Amino acid sequence: MSTRNTAGENFLLPNGTFFAELLIFLTVLGVIWRCVVPPIQRVLAEREARVAKTAADQHAARQARAEAEAAYRSALADARMTATGIRNRAREQGRSIVEQRRHAAQEESDALVTRSVAELRADADRVAADLRQSVDPLAQTLAVRVLGTENARAGGR
């Protein structure tokens, strides 16, 4: 009995319960491997694909934003150049208009001065003629008075 007891009490030797538990464990492990792991792997693969797609979308969005910003800067530069050209043309037209108006004003001023000089000469001639008409009789009357007595003396001689 002593050998039998030693063999039954030896914990290093496996018994039937160990093999039954090992078989159950392997069965559960197989079921988990077949039924639980594939859906988890599928979900993880889908998540990885979404993450990759999101990263690609973000990269594409960054590129599109950079291209849009470059196009915006280019359009802004073109608009500034166009505005500068328009502004320069407007300044040139403004200078031209000012020069034309200045020239027209100078011509008008010259014509006004010429007309005023002509009017002043005409007025001076008219005043001189009026003065001659009024001064001549006065001068003759004065001369007659001054010379009249002498004219009478001269006539009596």
N, C-alpha and C. Protein backbone atom coordinates (compact mmCIF):
# COMPACT_ATOMS: atom_id res chain seq x y z
N MET A 1 0.77 -1.17 0.00
CA MET A 1 0.00 0.00 0.00
C MET A 1 0.82 1.25 0.00
N SER A 2 1.90 1.04 0.45
CA SER A 2 2.71 2.21 0.55
C SER A 2 3.16 2.73 -0.80
N THR A 3 3.36 1.86 -1.80
CA THR A 3 3.72 2.32 -3.14
C THR A 3 2.53 2.98 -3.82
N ARG A 4 1.41 2.43 -3.55
CA ARG A 4 0.22 3.02 -4.16
C ARG A 4 -0.06 4.39 -3.57
N ASN A 5 0.14 4.51 -2.35
CA ASN A 5 -0.10 5.80 -1.72
C ASN A 5 0.91 6.83 -2.17
N THR A 6 2.06 6.39 -2.39
CA THR A 6 3.07 7.33 -2.83
C THR A 6 2.82 7.76 -4.25
N ALA A 7 2.29 6.83 -5.07
CA ALA A 7 2.02 7.22 -6.45
C ALA A 7 0.79 8.09 -6.53
N GLY A 8 -0.22 7.87 -5.75
CA GLY A 8 -1.43 8.68 -5.77
C GLY A 8 -1.20 10.02 -5.12
N GLU A 9 -0.28 10.10 -4.28
CA GLU A 9 -0.02 11.35 -3.60
C GLU A 9 1.05 12.16 -4.28
N ASN A 10 1.66 11.69 -5.28
CA ASN A 10 2.71 12.41 -6.00
C ASN A 10 2.06 13.48 -6.89
N PHE A 11 2.34 14.69 -6.57
CA PHE A 11 1.70 15.78 -7.32
C PHE A 11 2.35 16.03 -8.67
N LEU A 12 3.47 15.47 -8.95
CA LEU A 12 4.13 15.64 -10.23
C LEU A 12 3.53 14.75 -11.30
N LEU A 13 2.85 13.74 -10.93
CA LEU A 13 2.25 12.85 -11.90
C LEU A 13 0.84 13.33 -12.20
N PRO A 14 0.51 13.56 -13.49
CA PRO A 14 -0.83 14.06 -13.83
C PRO A 14 -1.87 12.97 -13.66
N ASN A 15 -3.10 13.38 -13.31
CA ASN A 15 -4.20 12.44 -13.20
C ASN A 15 -5.24 12.78 -14.25
N GLY A 16 -6.37 12.14 -14.26
CA GLY A 16 -7.40 12.31 -15.29
C GLY A 16 -8.05 13.68 -15.23
N THR A 17 -8.18 14.31 -14.11
CA THR A 17 -8.79 15.62 -13.99
C THR A 17 -7.98 16.66 -14.74
N PHE A 18 -6.69 16.52 -14.65
CA PHE A 18 -5.83 17.46 -15.35
C PHE A 18 -6.07 17.41 -16.85
N PHE A 19 -6.16 16.20 -17.40
CA PHE A 19 -6.38 16.06 -18.84
C PHE A 19 -7.77 16.56 -19.24
N ALA A 20 -8.76 16.34 -18.42
CA ALA A 20 -10.11 16.82 -18.70
C ALA A 20 -10.12 18.35 -18.68
N GLU A 21 -9.47 18.97 -17.72
CA GLU A 21 -9.40 20.43 -17.66
C GLU A 21 -8.59 20.98 -18.83
N LEU A 22 -7.55 20.27 -19.21
CA LEU A 22 -6.75 20.69 -20.36
C LEU A 22 -7.57 20.64 -21.62
N LEU A 23 -8.37 19.59 -21.79
CA LEU A 23 -9.23 19.45 -22.96
C LEU A 23 -10.29 20.55 -22.98
N ILE A 24 -10.89 20.87 -21.86
CA ILE A 24 -11.89 21.93 -21.78
C ILE A 24 -11.23 23.28 -22.10
N PHE A 25 -10.06 23.51 -21.56
CA PHE A 25 -9.35 24.75 -21.81
C PHE A 25 -9.02 24.92 -23.27
N LEU A 26 -8.54 23.87 -23.91
CA LEU A 26 -8.20 23.93 -25.33
C LEU A 26 -9.46 24.13 -26.17
N THR A 27 -10.59 23.50 -25.76
CA THR A 27 -11.84 23.68 -26.48
C THR A 27 -12.31 25.13 -26.37
N VAL A 28 -12.28 25.68 -25.18
CA VAL A 28 -12.69 27.09 -24.99
C VAL A 28 -11.76 27.99 -25.77
N LEU A 29 -10.48 27.71 -25.73
CA LEU A 29 -9.51 28.50 -26.49
C LEU A 29 -9.80 28.42 -27.98
N GLY A 30 -10.14 27.24 -28.49
CA GLY A 30 -10.48 27.07 -29.91
C GLY A 30 -11.75 27.84 -30.26
N VAL A 31 -12.77 27.78 -29.40
CA VAL A 31 -14.03 28.50 -29.65
C VAL A 31 -13.75 30.00 -29.66
N ILE A 32 -13.00 30.46 -28.71
CA ILE A 32 -12.66 31.90 -28.67
C ILE A 32 -11.90 32.28 -29.93
N TRP A 33 -10.94 31.41 -30.31
CA TRP A 33 -10.13 31.69 -31.50
C TRP A 33 -10.99 31.72 -32.75
N ARG A 34 -11.99 30.90 -32.86
CA ARG A 34 -12.85 30.83 -34.05
C ARG A 34 -13.99 31.84 -34.03
N CYS A 35 -14.56 32.09 -32.87
CA CYS A 35 -15.77 32.91 -32.81
C CYS A 35 -15.55 34.33 -32.33
N VAL A 36 -14.61 34.57 -31.48
CA VAL A 36 -14.44 35.90 -30.89
C VAL A 36 -13.33 36.69 -31.59
N VAL A 37 -12.24 36.05 -31.88
CA VAL A 37 -11.09 36.76 -32.45
C VAL A 37 -11.39 37.32 -33.84
N PRO A 38 -12.02 36.60 -34.78
CA PRO A 38 -12.24 37.19 -36.11
C PRO A 38 -13.07 38.47 -36.10
N PRO A 39 -14.18 38.58 -35.36
CA PRO A 39 -14.88 39.87 -35.34
C PRO A 39 -14.03 40.99 -34.75
N ILE A 40 -13.27 40.66 -33.71
CA ILE A 40 -12.40 41.68 -33.12
C ILE A 40 -11.34 42.11 -34.14
N GLN A 41 -10.76 41.14 -34.84
CA GLN A 41 -9.77 41.49 -35.86
C GLN A 41 -10.41 42.30 -36.98
N ARG A 42 -11.64 41.97 -37.37
CA ARG A 42 -12.33 42.70 -38.43
C ARG A 42 -12.58 44.15 -37.97
N VAL A 43 -13.05 44.31 -36.72
CA VAL A 43 -13.29 45.66 -36.19
C VAL A 43 -11.98 46.44 -36.13
N LEU A 44 -10.93 45.79 -35.68
CA LEU A 44 -9.63 46.47 -35.62
C LEU A 44 -9.13 46.84 -37.02
N ALA A 45 -9.35 45.95 -37.99
CA ALA A 45 -8.93 46.24 -39.37
C ALA A 45 -9.75 47.41 -39.93
N GLU A 46 -11.06 47.41 -39.65
CA GLU A 46 -11.90 48.52 -40.11
C GLU A 46 -11.45 49.83 -39.47
N ARG A 47 -11.16 49.77 -38.18
CA ARG A 47 -10.70 50.97 -37.48
C ARG A 47 -9.39 51.46 -38.07
N GLU A 48 -8.49 50.54 -38.34
CA GLU A 48 -7.20 50.91 -38.93
C GLU A 48 -7.40 51.52 -40.32
N ALA A 49 -8.34 50.96 -41.08
CA ALA A 49 -8.63 51.51 -42.41
C ALA A 49 -9.22 52.91 -42.29
N ARG A 50 -10.11 53.12 -41.32
CA ARG A 50 -10.68 54.46 -41.11
C ARG A 50 -9.62 55.46 -40.70
N VAL A 51 -8.72 55.02 -39.84
CA VAL A 51 -7.63 55.90 -39.41
C VAL A 51 -6.74 56.25 -40.60
N ALA A 52 -6.43 55.25 -41.42
CA ALA A 52 -5.61 55.51 -42.61
C ALA A 52 -6.33 56.44 -43.58
N LYS A 53 -7.65 56.21 -43.76
CA LYS A 53 -8.44 57.07 -44.65
C LYS A 53 -8.49 58.49 -44.11
N THR A 54 -8.67 58.62 -42.79
CA THR A 54 -8.70 59.94 -42.17
C THR A 54 -7.36 60.65 -42.35
N ALA A 55 -6.28 59.92 -42.18
CA ALA A 55 -4.96 60.51 -42.37
C ALA A 55 -4.77 60.94 -43.82
N ALA A 56 -5.22 60.10 -44.77
CA ALA A 56 -5.11 60.45 -46.18
C ALA A 56 -5.99 61.66 -46.50
N ASP A 57 -7.19 61.69 -45.92
CA ASP A 57 -8.08 62.84 -46.14
C ASP A 57 -7.47 64.12 -45.58
N GLN A 58 -6.87 64.01 -44.40
CA GLN A 58 -6.23 65.18 -43.81
C GLN A 58 -5.07 65.65 -44.67
N HIS A 59 -4.30 64.71 -45.18
CA HIS A 59 -3.18 65.06 -46.06
C HIS A 59 -3.69 65.74 -47.33
N ALA A 60 -4.75 65.18 -47.91
CA ALA A 60 -5.33 65.77 -49.11
C ALA A 60 -5.91 67.15 -48.81
N ALA A 61 -6.53 67.28 -47.65
CA ALA A 61 -7.09 68.58 -47.26
C ALA A 61 -5.99 69.61 -47.06
N ARG A 62 -4.87 69.20 -46.45
CA ARG A 62 -3.74 70.11 -46.30
C ARG A 62 -3.19 70.55 -47.65
N GLN A 63 -3.09 69.58 -48.57
CA GLN A 63 -2.60 69.92 -49.92
C GLN A 63 -3.58 70.86 -50.61
N ALA A 64 -4.87 70.57 -50.51
CA ALA A 64 -5.88 71.43 -51.15
C ALA A 64 -5.85 72.83 -50.53
N ARG A 65 -5.69 72.88 -49.21
CA ARG A 65 -5.61 74.19 -48.54
C ARG A 65 -4.38 74.95 -49.00
N ALA A 66 -3.25 74.25 -49.11
CA ALA A 66 -2.02 74.91 -49.57
C ALA A 66 -2.19 75.41 -51.00
N GLU A 67 -2.81 74.59 -51.84
CA GLU A 67 -3.04 75.01 -53.22
C GLU A 67 -4.00 76.19 -53.27
N ALA A 68 -5.05 76.14 -52.46
CA ALA A 68 -6.01 77.25 -52.43
C ALA A 68 -5.35 78.52 -51.90
N GLU A 69 -4.51 78.36 -50.89
CA GLU A 69 -3.82 79.54 -50.35
C GLU A 69 -2.85 80.11 -51.38
N ALA A 70 -2.16 79.24 -52.11
CA ALA A 70 -1.26 79.72 -53.16
C ALA A 70 -2.05 80.42 -54.26
N ALA A 71 -3.18 79.84 -54.64
CA ALA A 71 -4.02 80.48 -55.66
C ALA A 71 -4.55 81.81 -55.14
N TYR A 72 -4.93 81.85 -53.87
CA TYR A 72 -5.41 83.10 -53.27
C TYR A 72 -4.32 84.16 -53.29
N ARG A 73 -3.12 83.78 -52.88
CA ARG A 73 -2.01 84.74 -52.87
C ARG A 73 -1.69 85.21 -54.29
N SER A 74 -1.73 84.29 -55.24
CA SER A 74 -1.48 84.66 -56.62
C SER A 74 -2.56 85.61 -57.14
N ALA A 75 -3.81 85.28 -56.85
CA ALA A 75 -4.91 86.15 -57.28
C ALA A 75 -4.82 87.51 -56.60
N LEU A 76 -4.43 87.51 -55.33
CA LEU A 76 -4.28 88.77 -54.60
C LEU A 76 -3.16 89.60 -55.21
N ALA A 77 -2.05 88.96 -55.55
CA ALA A 77 -0.94 89.68 -56.18
C ALA A 77 -1.37 90.23 -57.54
N ASP A 78 -2.09 89.41 -58.31
CA ASP A 78 -2.60 89.88 -59.61
C ASP A 78 -3.55 91.05 -59.43
N ALA A 79 -4.42 90.95 -58.43
CA ALA A 79 -5.37 92.03 -58.17
C ALA A 79 -4.64 93.31 -57.75
N ARG A 80 -3.61 93.16 -56.95
CA ARG A 80 -2.83 94.33 -56.55
C ARG A 80 -2.13 94.95 -57.75
N MET A 81 -1.59 94.10 -58.62
CA MET A 81 -0.92 94.62 -59.81
C MET A 81 -1.94 95.32 -60.71
N THR A 82 -3.11 94.71 -60.87
CA THR A 82 -4.16 95.33 -61.68
C THR A 82 -4.60 96.65 -61.07
N ALA A 83 -4.77 96.65 -59.75
CA ALA A 83 -5.17 97.89 -59.06
C ALA A 83 -4.10 98.96 -59.21
N THR A 84 -2.84 98.56 -59.14
CA THR A 84 -1.76 99.52 -59.32
C THR A 84 -1.80 100.09 -60.74
N GLY A 85 -2.02 99.23 -61.73
CA GLY A 85 -2.12 99.70 -63.11
C GLY A 85 -3.30 100.64 -63.29
N ILE A 86 -4.44 100.28 -62.73
CA ILE A 86 -5.63 101.14 -62.83
C ILE A 86 -5.37 102.47 -62.14
N ARG A 87 -4.75 102.41 -60.95
CA ARG A 87 -4.44 103.63 -60.21
C ARG A 87 -3.48 104.51 -61.01
N ASN A 88 -2.46 103.90 -61.61
CA ASN A 88 -1.51 104.69 -62.41
C ASN A 88 -2.19 105.30 -63.62
N ARG A 89 -3.07 104.53 -64.29
CA ARG A 89 -3.80 105.09 -65.44
C ARG A 89 -4.71 106.22 -64.99
N ALA A 90 -5.36 106.04 -63.85
CA ALA A 90 -6.24 107.09 -63.34
C ALA A 90 -5.44 108.35 -63.00
N ARG A 91 -4.27 108.17 -62.41
CA ARG A 91 -3.43 109.33 -62.12
C ARG A 91 -3.01 110.02 -63.41
N GLU A 92 -2.63 109.23 -64.39
CA GLU A 92 -2.22 109.80 -65.68
C GLU A 92 -3.39 110.53 -66.33
N GLN A 93 -4.57 109.92 -66.30
CA GLN A 93 -5.74 110.59 -66.85
C GLN A 93 -6.06 111.86 -66.06
N GLY A 94 -5.92 111.78 -64.75
CA GLY A 94 -6.15 112.95 -63.91
C GLY A 94 -5.18 114.08 -64.26
N ARG A 95 -3.90 113.72 -64.42
CA ARG A 95 -2.90 114.73 -64.82
C ARG A 95 -3.24 115.31 -66.18
N SER A 96 -3.65 114.44 -67.08
CA SER A 96 -4.01 114.91 -68.42
C SER A 96 -5.21 115.85 -68.35
N ILE A 97 -6.21 115.48 -67.58
CA ILE A 97 -7.40 116.33 -67.44
C ILE A 97 -7.02 117.65 -66.79
N VAL A 98 -6.20 117.59 -65.74
CA VAL A 98 -5.76 118.83 -65.08
C VAL A 98 -4.99 119.70 -66.06
N GLU A 99 -4.12 119.08 -66.84
CA GLU A 99 -3.34 119.83 -67.83
C GLU A 99 -4.26 120.45 -68.88
N GLN A 100 -5.23 119.67 -69.34
CA GLN A 100 -6.18 120.20 -70.33
C GLN A 100 -6.97 121.36 -69.73
N ARG A 101 -7.45 121.18 -68.51
CA ARG A 101 -8.22 122.24 -67.87
C ARG A 101 -7.34 123.47 -67.62
N ARG A 102 -6.10 123.22 -67.22
CA ARG A 102 -5.18 124.34 -67.00
C ARG A 102 -4.94 125.09 -68.31
N HIS A 103 -4.75 124.32 -69.38
CA HIS A 103 -4.53 124.93 -70.69
C HIS A 103 -5.77 125.71 -71.13
N ALA A 104 -6.95 125.10 -70.94
CA ALA A 104 -8.20 125.78 -71.30
C ALA A 104 -8.39 127.03 -70.44
N ALA A 105 -8.07 126.94 -69.15
CA ALA A 105 -8.19 128.10 -68.27
C ALA A 105 -7.22 129.19 -68.68
N GLN A 106 -6.01 128.79 -69.07
CA GLN A 106 -5.02 129.77 -69.53
C GLN A 106 -5.51 130.45 -70.80
N GLU A 107 -6.05 129.66 -71.73
CA GLU A 107 -6.58 130.24 -72.96
C GLU A 107 -7.74 131.18 -72.65
N GLU A 108 -8.63 130.73 -71.76
CA GLU A 108 -9.76 131.58 -71.38
C GLU A 108 -9.28 132.84 -70.70
N SER A 109 -8.27 132.71 -69.84
CA SER A 109 -7.71 133.87 -69.16
C SER A 109 -7.07 134.82 -70.16
N ASP A 110 -6.31 134.26 -71.11
CA ASP A 110 -5.69 135.11 -72.15
C ASP A 110 -6.75 135.82 -72.96
N ALA A 111 -7.81 135.09 -73.32
CA ALA A 111 -8.89 135.70 -74.10
C ALA A 111 -9.58 136.78 -73.28
N LEU A 112 -9.79 136.51 -71.99
CA LEU A 112 -10.42 137.49 -71.12
C LEU A 112 -9.55 138.74 -70.98
N VAL A 113 -8.23 138.52 -70.80
CA VAL A 113 -7.31 139.66 -70.71
C VAL A 113 -7.32 140.44 -72.01
N THR A 114 -7.28 139.75 -73.15
CA THR A 114 -7.29 140.42 -74.45
C THR A 114 -8.60 141.20 -74.62
N ARG A 115 -9.70 140.59 -74.28
CA ARG A 115 -11.00 141.25 -74.38
C ARG A 115 -11.06 142.45 -73.43
N SER A 116 -10.54 142.27 -72.21
CA SER A 116 -10.54 143.37 -71.25
C SER A 116 -9.66 144.52 -71.72
N VAL A 117 -8.50 144.19 -72.28
CA VAL A 117 -7.61 145.23 -72.81
C VAL A 117 -8.30 145.96 -73.94
N ALA A 118 -8.95 145.22 -74.82
CA ALA A 118 -9.65 145.86 -75.94
C ALA A 118 -10.78 146.74 -75.41
N GLU A 119 -11.52 146.23 -74.41
CA GLU A 119 -12.60 147.04 -73.84
C GLU A 119 -12.05 148.28 -73.16
N LEU A 120 -10.93 148.11 -72.42
CA LEU A 120 -10.33 149.26 -71.75
C LEU A 120 -9.83 150.28 -72.77
N ARG A 121 -9.24 149.82 -73.88
CA ARG A 121 -8.78 150.74 -74.92
C ARG A 121 -9.97 151.47 -75.53
N ALA A 122 -11.04 150.69 -75.78
CA ALA A 122 -12.24 151.31 -76.36
C ALA A 122 -12.81 152.33 -75.38
N ASP A 123 -12.86 151.97 -74.08
CA ASP A 123 -13.35 152.91 -73.08
C ASP A 123 -12.44 154.13 -72.99
N ALA A 124 -11.13 153.90 -73.04
CA ALA A 124 -10.18 155.02 -72.99
C ALA A 124 -10.37 155.93 -74.20
N ASP A 125 -10.54 155.34 -75.41
CA ASP A 125 -10.75 156.14 -76.61
C ASP A 125 -12.05 156.92 -76.51
N ARG A 126 -13.10 156.27 -75.99
CA ARG A 126 -14.39 156.93 -75.83
C ARG A 126 -14.29 158.08 -74.82
N VAL A 127 -13.62 157.81 -73.70
CA VAL A 127 -13.44 158.85 -72.68
C VAL A 127 -12.60 159.99 -73.25
N ALA A 128 -11.54 159.62 -74.00
CA ALA A 128 -10.70 160.66 -74.61
C ALA A 128 -11.50 161.48 -75.60
N ALA A 129 -12.36 160.81 -76.39
CA ALA A 129 -13.19 161.56 -77.35
C ALA A 129 -14.18 162.44 -76.61
N ASP A 130 -14.80 161.90 -75.54
CA ASP A 130 -15.72 162.71 -74.75
C ASP A 130 -15.01 163.91 -74.13
N LEU A 131 -13.80 163.64 -73.63
CA LEU A 131 -13.04 164.74 -73.04
C LEU A 131 -12.67 165.78 -74.09
N ARG A 132 -12.32 165.31 -75.27
CA ARG A 132 -11.99 166.26 -76.33
C ARG A 132 -13.20 167.11 -76.67
N GLN A 133 -14.33 166.41 -76.75
CA GLN A 133 -15.54 167.17 -77.09
C GLN A 133 -15.89 168.16 -75.97
N SER A 134 -15.71 167.78 -74.72
CA SER A 134 -16.06 168.71 -73.67
C SER A 134 -14.91 169.66 -73.34
N VAL A 135 -13.68 169.24 -73.52
CA VAL A 135 -12.55 170.10 -73.20
C VAL A 135 -12.31 171.09 -74.33
N ASP A 136 -12.50 170.69 -75.58
CA ASP A 136 -12.26 171.60 -76.69
C ASP A 136 -13.12 172.86 -76.59
N PRO A 137 -14.44 172.74 -76.38
CA PRO A 137 -15.20 173.99 -76.25
C PRO A 137 -14.77 174.79 -75.02
N LEU A 138 -14.44 174.09 -73.94
CA LEU A 138 -13.99 174.81 -72.76
C LEU A 138 -12.67 175.50 -73.03
N ALA A 139 -11.79 174.81 -73.72
CA ALA A 139 -10.49 175.40 -74.05
C ALA A 139 -10.68 176.58 -74.97
N GLN A 140 -11.56 176.46 -75.91
CA GLN A 140 -11.81 177.58 -76.83
C GLN A 140 -12.44 178.75 -76.06
N THR A 141 -13.38 178.45 -75.22
CA THR A 141 -14.00 179.51 -74.43
C THR A 141 -12.95 180.18 -73.56
N LEU A 142 -12.13 179.39 -72.94
CA LEU A 142 -11.07 179.94 -72.10
C LEU A 142 -10.09 180.73 -72.95
N ALA A 143 -9.76 180.19 -74.09
CA ALA A 143 -8.83 180.88 -74.97
C ALA A 143 -9.43 182.18 -75.45
N VAL A 144 -10.71 182.13 -75.72
CA VAL A 144 -11.38 183.36 -76.18
C VAL A 144 -11.37 184.37 -75.04
N ARG A 145 -11.62 183.94 -73.88
CA ARG A 145 -11.63 184.88 -72.78
C ARG A 145 -10.24 185.43 -72.52
N VAL A 146 -9.29 184.53 -72.52
CA VAL A 146 -7.93 185.00 -72.28
C VAL A 146 -7.42 185.75 -73.50
N LEU A 147 -7.67 185.20 -74.62
CA LEU A 147 -7.16 185.80 -75.84
C LEU A 147 -8.15 186.79 -76.42
N GLY A 148 -9.34 186.71 -75.99
CA GLY A 148 -10.36 187.61 -76.54
C GLY A 148 -10.01 189.06 -76.31
N THR A 149 -9.58 189.42 -75.24
CA THR A 149 -9.18 190.78 -75.00
C THR A 149 -7.92 191.08 -75.76
N GLU A 150 -7.11 190.14 -75.83
CA GLU A 150 -5.92 190.33 -76.61
C GLU A 150 -6.25 190.24 -78.08
N ASN A 151 -7.20 189.42 -78.43
CA ASN A 151 -7.63 189.29 -79.83
C ASN A 151 -8.25 190.62 -80.25
N ALA A 152 -8.97 191.21 -79.33
CA ALA A 152 -9.56 192.52 -79.64
C ALA A 152 -8.46 193.55 -79.76
N ARG A 153 -7.46 193.48 -79.01
CA ARG A 153 -6.32 194.34 -79.12
C ARG A 153 -5.58 194.06 -80.37
N ALA A 154 -5.46 192.77 -80.65
CA ALA A 154 -4.74 192.39 -81.86
C ALA A 154 -5.54 192.78 -83.06
N GLY A 155 -6.87 192.71 -82.96
CA GLY A 155 -7.73 193.07 -84.08
C GLY A 155 -7.73 194.58 -84.28
N GLY A 156 -7.52 195.35 -83.23
CA GLY A 156 -7.52 196.81 -83.29
C GLY A 156 -6.21 197.35 -83.74
N ARG A 157 -5.32 196.72 -83.86
CA ARG A 157 -4.02 197.17 -84.22
C ARG A 157 -4.00 197.41 -85.64
